[in-house]
Amino acid sequence: MISESARRWPELRGGKAGMRLMSHSV
C-alpha cells in the first residue's frame, strides 16, 4: 500500500501529504 502510494505521490509532497492522499485513494 505505502509502496504504491509513494510511487504515485513522490516524497516531494511530504509524508503527511502522502498519508492524506493514501487515505483518499483507499
C-alpha atoms as a PDB file:
ATOM      1  CA  MET A   1       0.000   0.000   0.000  1.00  0.00           C
ATOM      2  CA  ILE A   2       2.645   2.524   1.074  1.00  0.00           C
ATOM      3  CA  SER A   3       4.921   1.454  -1.807  1.00  0.00           C
ATOM      4  CA  GLU A   4       2.224   2.155  -4.397  1.00  0.00           C
ATOM      5  CA  SER A   5       1.294   5.438  -2.734  1.00  0.00           C
ATOM      6  CA  ALA A   6       4.932   6.570  -2.637  1.00  0.00           C
ATOM      7  CA  ARG A   7       5.279   5.689  -6.321  1.00  0.00           C
ATOM      8  CA  ARG A   8       2.243   7.767  -7.254  1.00  0.00           C
ATOM      9  CA  TRP A   9       2.962  10.662  -4.882  1.00  0.00           C
ATOM     10  CA  PRO A  10       6.726  11.408  -4.689  1.00  0.00           C
ATOM     11  CA  GLU A  11       8.254  12.352  -1.348  1.00  0.00           C
ATOM     12  CA  LEU A  12       8.276  15.944  -2.646  1.00  0.00           C
ATOM     13  CA  ARG A  13       4.771  16.387  -1.208  1.00  0.00           C
ATOM     14  CA  GLY A  14       5.885  15.147   2.215  1.00  0.00           C
ATOM     15  CA  GLY A  15       4.995  12.167   4.413  1.00  0.00           C
ATOM     16  CA  LYS A  16       1.933  13.911   5.842  1.00  0.00           C
ATOM     17  CA  ALA A  17       0.613  14.733   2.375  1.00  0.00           C
ATOM     18  CA  GLY A  18       1.287  11.159   1.230  1.00  0.00           C
ATOM     19  CA  MET A  19      -0.697   9.791   4.149  1.00  0.00           C
ATOM     20  CA  ARG A  20      -3.597  12.066   3.274  1.00  0.00           C
ATOM     21  CA  LEU A  21      -3.520  11.053  -0.397  1.00  0.00           C
ATOM     22  CA  MET A  22      -3.318   7.413   0.617  1.00  0.00           C
ATOM     23  CA  SER A  23      -6.446   7.803   2.736  1.00  0.00           C
ATOM     24  CA  HIS A  24      -8.301   9.279  -0.230  1.00  0.00           C
ATOM     25  CA  SER A  25      -7.010   6.585  -2.566  1.00  0.00           C
ATOM     26  CA  VAL A  26      -8.175   3.852  -0.210  1.00  0.00           C
END
